[in-house]
All heavy atoms as atom14 arrays in JSON, in Angstrom:
{
  "sequence": "KSAVGALEGIDEVKVRMEISQPKQQPSPAGAAGSKPNTS",
  "atom14_mask": [
    [1, 1, 1, 1, 1, 1, 1, 1, 1, 0, 0, 0, 0, 0],
    [1, 1, 1, 1, 1, 1, 0, 0, 0, 0, 0, 0, 0, 0],
    [1, 1, 1, 1, 1, 0, 0, 0, 0, 0, 0, 0, 0, 0],
    [1, 1, 1, 1, 1, 1, 1, 0, 0, 0, 0, 0, 0, 0],
    [1, 1, 1, 1, 0, 0, 0, 0, 0, 0, 0, 0, 0, 0],
    [1, 1, 1, 1, 1, 0, 0, 0, 0, 0, 0, 0, 0, 0],
    [1, 1, 1, 1, 1, 1, 1, 1, 0, 0, 0, 0, 0, 0],
    [1, 1, 1, 1, 1, 1, 1, 1, 1, 0, 0, 0, 0, 0],
    [1, 1, 1, 1, 0, 0, 0, 0, 0, 0, 0, 0, 0, 0],
    [1, 1, 1, 1, 1, 1, 1, 1, 0, 0, 0, 0, 0, 0],
    [1, 1, 1, 1, 1, 1, 1, 1, 0, 0, 0, 0, 0, 0],
    [1, 1, 1, 1, 1, 1, 1, 1, 1, 0, 0, 0, 0, 0],
    [1, 1, 1, 1, 1, 1, 1, 0, 0, 0, 0, 0, 0, 0],
    [1, 1, 1, 1, 1, 1, 1, 1, 1, 0, 0, 0, 0, 0],
    [1, 1, 1, 1, 1, 1, 1, 0, 0, 0, 0, 0, 0, 0],
    [1, 1, 1, 1, 1, 1, 1, 1, 1, 1, 1, 0, 0, 0],
    [1, 1, 1, 1, 1, 1, 1, 1, 0, 0, 0, 0, 0, 0],
    [1, 1, 1, 1, 1, 1, 1, 1, 1, 0, 0, 0, 0, 0],
    [1, 1, 1, 1, 1, 1, 1, 1, 0, 0, 0, 0, 0, 0],
    [1, 1, 1, 1, 1, 1, 0, 0, 0, 0, 0, 0, 0, 0],
    [1, 1, 1, 1, 1, 1, 1, 1, 1, 0, 0, 0, 0, 0],
    [1, 1, 1, 1, 1, 1, 1, 0, 0, 0, 0, 0, 0, 0],
    [1, 1, 1, 1, 1, 1, 1, 1, 1, 0, 0, 0, 0, 0],
    [1, 1, 1, 1, 1, 1, 1, 1, 1, 0, 0, 0, 0, 0],
    [1, 1, 1, 1, 1, 1, 1, 1, 1, 0, 0, 0, 0, 0],
    [1, 1, 1, 1, 1, 1, 1, 0, 0, 0, 0, 0, 0, 0],
    [1, 1, 1, 1, 1, 1, 0, 0, 0, 0, 0, 0, 0, 0],
    [1, 1, 1, 1, 1, 1, 1, 0, 0, 0, 0, 0, 0, 0],
    [1, 1, 1, 1, 1, 0, 0, 0, 0, 0, 0, 0, 0, 0],
    [1, 1, 1, 1, 0, 0, 0, 0, 0, 0, 0, 0, 0, 0],
    [1, 1, 1, 1, 1, 0, 0, 0, 0, 0, 0, 0, 0, 0],
    [1, 1, 1, 1, 1, 0, 0, 0, 0, 0, 0, 0, 0, 0],
    [1, 1, 1, 1, 0, 0, 0, 0, 0, 0, 0, 0, 0, 0],
    [1, 1, 1, 1, 1, 1, 0, 0, 0, 0, 0, 0, 0, 0],
    [1, 1, 1, 1, 1, 1, 1, 1, 1, 0, 0, 0, 0, 0],
    [1, 1, 1, 1, 1, 1, 1, 0, 0, 0, 0, 0, 0, 0],
    [1, 1, 1, 1, 1, 1, 1, 1, 0, 0, 0, 0, 0, 0],
    [1, 1, 1, 1, 1, 1, 1, 0, 0, 0, 0, 0, 0, 0],
    [1, 1, 1, 1, 1, 1, 0, 0, 0, 0, 0, 0, 0, 0]
  ],
  "atom14_positions": [
    [[80.9, 109.8, 98.84], [79.72, 109.28, 99.54], [78.61, 110.31, 99.6], [77.43, 109.99, 99.45], [80.11, 108.82, 100.94], [81.0, 107.58, 100.94], [81.37, 107.17, 102.35], [82.25, 105.91, 102.33], [82.64, 105.47, 103.69], [0.0, 0.0, 0.0], [0.0, 0.0, 0.0], [0.0, 0.0, 0.0], [0.0, 0.0, 0.0], [0.0, 0.0, 0.0]],
    [[79.01, 111.57, 99.76], [78.01, 112.64, 99.82], [77.36, 112.87, 98.46], [76.13, 112.97, 98.36], [78.66, 113.94, 100.31], [77.75, 115.01, 100.29], [0.0, 0.0, 0.0], [0.0, 0.0, 0.0], [0.0, 0.0, 0.0], [0.0, 0.0, 0.0], [0.0, 0.0, 0.0], [0.0, 0.0, 0.0], [0.0, 0.0, 0.0], [0.0, 0.0, 0.0]],
    [[78.17, 112.93, 97.39], [77.66, 113.23, 96.05], [76.84, 112.08, 95.49], [75.73, 112.28, 94.97], [78.82, 113.57, 95.11], [0.0, 0.0, 0.0], [0.0, 0.0, 0.0], [0.0, 0.0, 0.0], [0.0, 0.0, 0.0], [0.0, 0.0, 0.0], [0.0, 0.0, 0.0], [0.0, 0.0, 0.0], [0.0, 0.0, 0.0], [0.0, 0.0, 0.0]],
    [[77.37, 110.87, 95.57], [76.68, 109.71, 95.0], [75.51, 109.3, 95.88], [74.45, 108.88, 95.39], [77.66, 108.53, 94.8], [76.94, 107.3, 94.26], [78.78, 108.94, 93.85], [0.0, 0.0, 0.0], [0.0, 0.0, 0.0], [0.0, 0.0, 0.0], [0.0, 0.0, 0.0], [0.0, 0.0, 0.0], [0.0, 0.0, 0.0], [0.0, 0.0, 0.0]],
    [[75.7, 109.42, 97.19], [74.63, 109.05, 98.12], [73.39, 109.91, 98.0], [72.29, 109.51, 98.43], [0.0, 0.0, 0.0], [0.0, 0.0, 0.0], [0.0, 0.0, 0.0], [0.0, 0.0, 0.0], [0.0, 0.0, 0.0], [0.0, 0.0, 0.0], [0.0, 0.0, 0.0], [0.0, 0.0, 0.0], [0.0, 0.0, 0.0], [0.0, 0.0, 0.0]],
    [[73.55, 111.09, 97.41], [72.4, 111.99, 97.25], [71.53, 111.61, 96.06], [70.43, 112.17, 95.89], [72.89, 113.43, 97.09], [0.0, 0.0, 0.0], [0.0, 0.0, 0.0], [0.0, 0.0, 0.0], [0.0, 0.0, 0.0], [0.0, 0.0, 0.0], [0.0, 0.0, 0.0], [0.0, 0.0, 0.0], [0.0, 0.0, 0.0], [0.0, 0.0, 0.0]],
    [[72.0, 110.68, 95.22], [71.22, 110.28, 94.05], [70.01, 109.44, 94.45], [70.04, 108.71, 95.45], [72.1, 109.47, 93.08], [73.29, 110.22, 92.47], [74.14, 109.26, 91.64], [72.8, 111.37, 91.58], [0.0, 0.0, 0.0], [0.0, 0.0, 0.0], [0.0, 0.0, 0.0], [0.0, 0.0, 0.0], [0.0, 0.0, 0.0], [0.0, 0.0, 0.0]],
    [[68.99, 109.53, 93.64], [67.74, 108.81, 93.92], [67.97, 107.3, 93.88], [68.56, 106.76, 92.94], [66.67, 109.19, 92.9], [65.32, 108.54, 93.15], [64.29, 108.93, 92.1], [64.63, 109.77, 91.24], [63.19, 108.39, 92.13], [0.0, 0.0, 0.0], [0.0, 0.0, 0.0], [0.0, 0.0, 0.0], [0.0, 0.0, 0.0], [0.0, 0.0, 0.0]],
    [[67.5, 106.61, 94.9], [67.57, 105.15, 94.94], [68.88, 104.59, 95.42], [69.05, 103.37, 95.47], [0.0, 0.0, 0.0], [0.0, 0.0, 0.0], [0.0, 0.0, 0.0], [0.0, 0.0, 0.0], [0.0, 0.0, 0.0], [0.0, 0.0, 0.0], [0.0, 0.0, 0.0], [0.0, 0.0, 0.0], [0.0, 0.0, 0.0], [0.0, 0.0, 0.0]],
    [[69.86, 105.42, 95.78], [71.16, 104.95, 96.27], [71.15, 105.02, 97.8], [71.1, 106.1, 98.38], [72.32, 105.78, 95.71], [72.31, 105.77, 94.19], [73.65, 105.25, 96.25], [72.46, 104.4, 93.57], [0.0, 0.0, 0.0], [0.0, 0.0, 0.0], [0.0, 0.0, 0.0], [0.0, 0.0, 0.0], [0.0, 0.0, 0.0], [0.0, 0.0, 0.0]],
    [[71.2, 103.84, 98.44], [71.15, 103.77, 99.91], [72.52, 103.64, 100.54], [72.73, 104.06, 101.67], [70.27, 102.59, 100.36], [68.81, 102.76, 99.93], [68.38, 103.93, 99.77], [68.12, 101.74, 99.75], [0.0, 0.0, 0.0], [0.0, 0.0, 0.0], [0.0, 0.0, 0.0], [0.0, 0.0, 0.0], [0.0, 0.0, 0.0], [0.0, 0.0, 0.0]],
    [[73.47, 103.03, 99.81], [74.79, 102.81, 100.39], [75.87, 103.03, 99.35], [75.76, 102.55, 98.22], [74.9, 101.4, 100.97], [76.23, 101.15, 101.69], [76.28, 99.78, 102.36], [75.33, 98.99, 102.18], [77.28, 99.51, 103.05], [0.0, 0.0, 0.0], [0.0, 0.0, 0.0], [0.0, 0.0, 0.0], [0.0, 0.0, 0.0], [0.0, 0.0, 0.0]],
    [[76.92, 103.76, 99.72], [78.06, 104.02, 98.84], [79.33, 103.54, 99.53], [79.66, 103.99, 100.63], [78.19, 105.52, 98.5], [79.38, 105.75, 97.57], [76.92, 106.05, 97.87], [0.0, 0.0, 0.0], [0.0, 0.0, 0.0], [0.0, 0.0, 0.0], [0.0, 0.0, 0.0], [0.0, 0.0, 0.0], [0.0, 0.0, 0.0], [0.0, 0.0, 0.0]],
    [[80.03, 102.61, 98.87], [81.29, 102.12, 99.39], [82.43, 102.63, 98.5], [82.28, 102.67, 97.28], [81.31, 100.6, 99.43], [80.28, 99.99, 100.38], [80.36, 98.48, 100.36], [79.33, 97.86, 101.31], [79.37, 96.38, 101.3], [0.0, 0.0, 0.0], [0.0, 0.0, 0.0], [0.0, 0.0, 0.0], [0.0, 0.0, 0.0], [0.0, 0.0, 0.0]],
    [[83.53, 103.0, 99.11], [84.68, 103.51, 98.36], [85.88, 102.61, 98.62], [86.28, 102.43, 99.78], [85.02, 104.96, 98.75], [86.23, 105.45, 97.97], [83.83, 105.88, 98.5], [0.0, 0.0, 0.0], [0.0, 0.0, 0.0], [0.0, 0.0, 0.0], [0.0, 0.0, 0.0], [0.0, 0.0, 0.0], [0.0, 0.0, 0.0], [0.0, 0.0, 0.0]],
    [[86.4, 102.01, 97.54], [87.62, 101.21, 97.64], [88.79, 102.07, 97.2], [88.88, 102.49, 96.04], [87.5, 99.97, 96.75], [88.76, 99.08, 96.79], [88.65, 97.97, 95.76], [87.54, 97.08, 96.07], [86.85, 96.41, 95.17], [87.13, 96.57, 93.88], [85.88, 95.61, 95.53], [0.0, 0.0, 0.0], [0.0, 0.0, 0.0], [0.0, 0.0, 0.0]],
    [[89.69, 102.36, 98.1], [90.77, 103.32, 97.85], [92.12, 102.6, 97.79], [92.52, 101.94, 98.74], [90.79, 104.37, 98.96], [91.68, 105.55, 98.71], [90.97, 106.78, 97.57], [89.59, 107.42, 98.51], [0.0, 0.0, 0.0], [0.0, 0.0, 0.0], [0.0, 0.0, 0.0], [0.0, 0.0, 0.0], [0.0, 0.0, 0.0], [0.0, 0.0, 0.0]],
    [[92.8, 102.71, 96.65], [94.16, 102.19, 96.51], [95.11, 103.39, 96.53], [95.07, 104.23, 95.64], [94.32, 101.41, 95.22], [93.49, 100.12, 95.17], [93.76, 99.32, 93.93], [94.83, 99.54, 93.3], [92.92, 98.48, 93.57], [0.0, 0.0, 0.0], [0.0, 0.0, 0.0], [0.0, 0.0, 0.0], [0.0, 0.0, 0.0], [0.0, 0.0, 0.0]],
    [[95.98, 103.42, 97.53], [96.85, 104.58, 97.74], [98.3, 104.19, 97.53], [98.79, 103.21, 98.11], [96.66, 105.16, 99.16], [95.18, 105.46, 99.42], [97.51, 106.41, 99.34], [94.87, 105.81, 100.86], [0.0, 0.0, 0.0], [0.0, 0.0, 0.0], [0.0, 0.0, 0.0], [0.0, 0.0, 0.0], [0.0, 0.0, 0.0], [0.0, 0.0, 0.0]],
    [[99.0, 104.94, 96.68], [100.43, 104.73, 96.45], [101.19, 105.95, 96.94], [100.71, 107.08, 96.85], [100.72, 104.51, 94.96], [100.0, 103.4, 94.48], [0.0, 0.0, 0.0], [0.0, 0.0, 0.0], [0.0, 0.0, 0.0], [0.0, 0.0, 0.0], [0.0, 0.0, 0.0], [0.0, 0.0, 0.0], [0.0, 0.0, 0.0], [0.0, 0.0, 0.0]],
    [[102.38, 105.7, 97.48], [103.23, 106.8, 97.93], [104.07, 107.31, 96.76], [104.64, 106.52, 96.02], [104.15, 106.33, 99.05], [103.43, 105.99, 100.34], [102.84, 107.22, 101.0], [103.44, 108.29, 101.02], [101.64, 107.07, 101.55], [0.0, 0.0, 0.0], [0.0, 0.0, 0.0], [0.0, 0.0, 0.0], [0.0, 0.0, 0.0], [0.0, 0.0, 0.0]],
    [[104.14, 108.62, 96.55], [104.98, 109.16, 95.47], [106.45, 108.89, 95.76], [106.89, 108.95, 96.91], [104.68, 110.66, 95.49], [104.19, 110.93, 96.88], [103.49, 109.68, 97.33], [0.0, 0.0, 0.0], [0.0, 0.0, 0.0], [0.0, 0.0, 0.0], [0.0, 0.0, 0.0], [0.0, 0.0, 0.0], [0.0, 0.0, 0.0], [0.0, 0.0, 0.0]],
    [[107.21, 108.59, 94.69], [108.65, 108.35, 94.86], [109.39, 109.63, 95.17], [110.41, 109.62, 95.81], [109.21, 107.69, 93.6], [108.65, 106.3, 93.38], [109.25, 105.64, 92.17], [108.69, 104.25, 91.96], [109.26, 103.58, 90.77], [0.0, 0.0, 0.0], [0.0, 0.0, 0.0], [0.0, 0.0, 0.0], [0.0, 0.0, 0.0], [0.0, 0.0, 0.0]],
    [[108.87, 110.75, 94.66], [109.43, 112.05, 94.99], [108.33, 112.86, 95.63], [107.22, 112.93, 95.12], [109.95, 112.78, 93.75], [111.17, 112.11, 93.16], [111.8, 113.0, 92.11], [111.39, 114.13, 91.91], [112.81, 112.49, 91.45], [0.0, 0.0, 0.0], [0.0, 0.0, 0.0], [0.0, 0.0, 0.0], [0.0, 0.0, 0.0], [0.0, 0.0, 0.0]],
    [[108.63, 113.46, 96.77], [107.61, 114.19, 97.51], [107.09, 115.38, 96.71], [107.84, 116.29, 96.38], [108.19, 114.69, 98.84], [107.2, 115.44, 99.7], [106.09, 114.54, 100.21], [106.27, 113.35, 100.35], [104.95, 115.11, 100.47], [0.0, 0.0, 0.0], [0.0, 0.0, 0.0], [0.0, 0.0, 0.0], [0.0, 0.0, 0.0], [0.0, 0.0, 0.0]],
    [[105.8, 115.41, 96.35], [105.26, 116.55, 95.62], [105.0, 117.72, 96.52], [105.06, 117.6, 97.75], [103.95, 115.99, 95.06], [103.54, 114.96, 96.05], [104.82, 114.37, 96.6], [0.0, 0.0, 0.0], [0.0, 0.0, 0.0], [0.0, 0.0, 0.0], [0.0, 0.0, 0.0], [0.0, 0.0, 0.0], [0.0, 0.0, 0.0], [0.0, 0.0, 0.0]],
    [[104.69, 118.84, 95.93], [104.32, 120.01, 96.7], [103.04, 119.72, 97.45], [102.23, 118.92, 97.02], [104.12, 121.22, 95.78], [105.32, 121.5, 95.09], [0.0, 0.0, 0.0], [0.0, 0.0, 0.0], [0.0, 0.0, 0.0], [0.0, 0.0, 0.0], [0.0, 0.0, 0.0], [0.0, 0.0, 0.0], [0.0, 0.0, 0.0], [0.0, 0.0, 0.0]],
    [[102.79, 120.4, 98.57], [101.56, 120.16, 99.31], [100.34, 120.43, 98.44], [100.34, 121.33, 97.62], [101.65, 121.19, 100.47], [103.1, 121.51, 100.58], [103.66, 121.4, 99.23], [0.0, 0.0, 0.0], [0.0, 0.0, 0.0], [0.0, 0.0, 0.0], [0.0, 0.0, 0.0], [0.0, 0.0, 0.0], [0.0, 0.0, 0.0], [0.0, 0.0, 0.0]],
    [[99.31, 119.64, 98.63], [98.1, 119.81, 97.83], [97.56, 121.22, 98.01], [97.43, 121.72, 99.11], [97.03, 118.79, 98.26], [0.0, 0.0, 0.0], [0.0, 0.0, 0.0], [0.0, 0.0, 0.0], [0.0, 0.0, 0.0], [0.0, 0.0, 0.0], [0.0, 0.0, 0.0], [0.0, 0.0, 0.0], [0.0, 0.0, 0.0], [0.0, 0.0, 0.0]],
    [[97.27, 121.84, 96.89], [96.71, 123.18, 96.94], [97.75, 124.26, 96.84], [97.42, 125.42, 96.74], [0.0, 0.0, 0.0], [0.0, 0.0, 0.0], [0.0, 0.0, 0.0], [0.0, 0.0, 0.0], [0.0, 0.0, 0.0], [0.0, 0.0, 0.0], [0.0, 0.0, 0.0], [0.0, 0.0, 0.0], [0.0, 0.0, 0.0], [0.0, 0.0, 0.0]],
    [[99.04, 123.89, 96.91], [100.08, 124.91, 96.8], [100.08, 125.48, 95.39], [99.7, 124.82, 94.44], [101.45, 124.3, 97.12], [0.0, 0.0, 0.0], [0.0, 0.0, 0.0], [0.0, 0.0, 0.0], [0.0, 0.0, 0.0], [0.0, 0.0, 0.0], [0.0, 0.0, 0.0], [0.0, 0.0, 0.0], [0.0, 0.0, 0.0], [0.0, 0.0, 0.0]],
    [[100.5, 126.71, 95.27], [100.47, 127.38, 93.97], [101.27, 126.6, 92.96], [102.43, 126.29, 93.17], [101.03, 128.8, 94.11], [0.0, 0.0, 0.0], [0.0, 0.0, 0.0], [0.0, 0.0, 0.0], [0.0, 0.0, 0.0], [0.0, 0.0, 0.0], [0.0, 0.0, 0.0], [0.0, 0.0, 0.0], [0.0, 0.0, 0.0], [0.0, 0.0, 0.0]],
    [[100.64, 126.28, 91.84], [101.33, 125.62, 90.74], [101.47, 124.13, 90.89], [101.96, 123.46, 90.01], [0.0, 0.0, 0.0], [0.0, 0.0, 0.0], [0.0, 0.0, 0.0], [0.0, 0.0, 0.0], [0.0, 0.0, 0.0], [0.0, 0.0, 0.0], [0.0, 0.0, 0.0], [0.0, 0.0, 0.0], [0.0, 0.0, 0.0], [0.0, 0.0, 0.0]],
    [[101.07, 123.53, 92.04], [101.26, 122.1, 92.22], [100.12, 121.33, 91.59], [99.03, 121.84, 91.36], [101.33, 121.77, 93.71], [100.1, 122.05, 94.35], [0.0, 0.0, 0.0], [0.0, 0.0, 0.0], [0.0, 0.0, 0.0], [0.0, 0.0, 0.0], [0.0, 0.0, 0.0], [0.0, 0.0, 0.0], [0.0, 0.0, 0.0], [0.0, 0.0, 0.0]],
    [[100.4, 120.05, 91.28], [99.4, 119.19, 90.66], [99.45, 117.83, 91.35], [100.52, 117.35, 91.68], [99.69, 119.0, 89.17], [99.68, 120.28, 88.37], [99.99, 119.97, 86.92], [100.01, 121.25, 86.09], [100.32, 120.97, 84.69], [0.0, 0.0, 0.0], [0.0, 0.0, 0.0], [0.0, 0.0, 0.0], [0.0, 0.0, 0.0], [0.0, 0.0, 0.0]],
    [[98.29, 117.19, 91.54], [98.31, 115.86, 92.12], [98.92, 114.85, 91.16], [98.84, 115.0, 89.95], [96.81, 115.56, 92.34], [96.12, 116.42, 91.34], [96.95, 117.65, 91.2], [0.0, 0.0, 0.0], [0.0, 0.0, 0.0], [0.0, 0.0, 0.0], [0.0, 0.0, 0.0], [0.0, 0.0, 0.0], [0.0, 0.0, 0.0], [0.0, 0.0, 0.0]],
    [[99.52, 113.78, 91.73], [100.07, 112.67, 90.94], [101.24, 113.08, 90.05], [101.57, 112.4, 89.11], [98.99, 112.04, 90.05], [97.95, 111.33, 90.87], [98.16, 111.0, 92.03], [96.8, 111.09, 90.27], [0.0, 0.0, 0.0], [0.0, 0.0, 0.0], [0.0, 0.0, 0.0], [0.0, 0.0, 0.0], [0.0, 0.0, 0.0], [0.0, 0.0, 0.0]],
    [[101.89, 114.21, 90.31], [103.06, 114.59, 89.53], [104.22, 114.85, 90.46], [104.04, 115.24, 91.61], [102.8, 115.87, 88.7], [102.39, 116.92, 89.57], [101.74, 115.63, 87.65], [0.0, 0.0, 0.0], [0.0, 0.0, 0.0], [0.0, 0.0, 0.0], [0.0, 0.0, 0.0], [0.0, 0.0, 0.0], [0.0, 0.0, 0.0], [0.0, 0.0, 0.0]],
    [[105.42, 114.61, 89.97], [106.62, 114.83, 90.77], [107.0, 116.3, 90.75], [106.42, 117.11, 90.03], [107.77, 113.99, 90.21], [108.13, 114.49, 88.94], [0.0, 0.0, 0.0], [0.0, 0.0, 0.0], [0.0, 0.0, 0.0], [0.0, 0.0, 0.0], [0.0, 0.0, 0.0], [0.0, 0.0, 0.0], [0.0, 0.0, 0.0], [0.0, 0.0, 0.0]]
  ]
}
């Protein structure tokens, strides 16, 4: 919303978020060597 909303002529930004739970718990986001969306 911040990045797209800053564009010229854009008054409203809506985000539709589809969230799935991983079948195997991944490492915490940002942990060394971890990657999003991977087991």
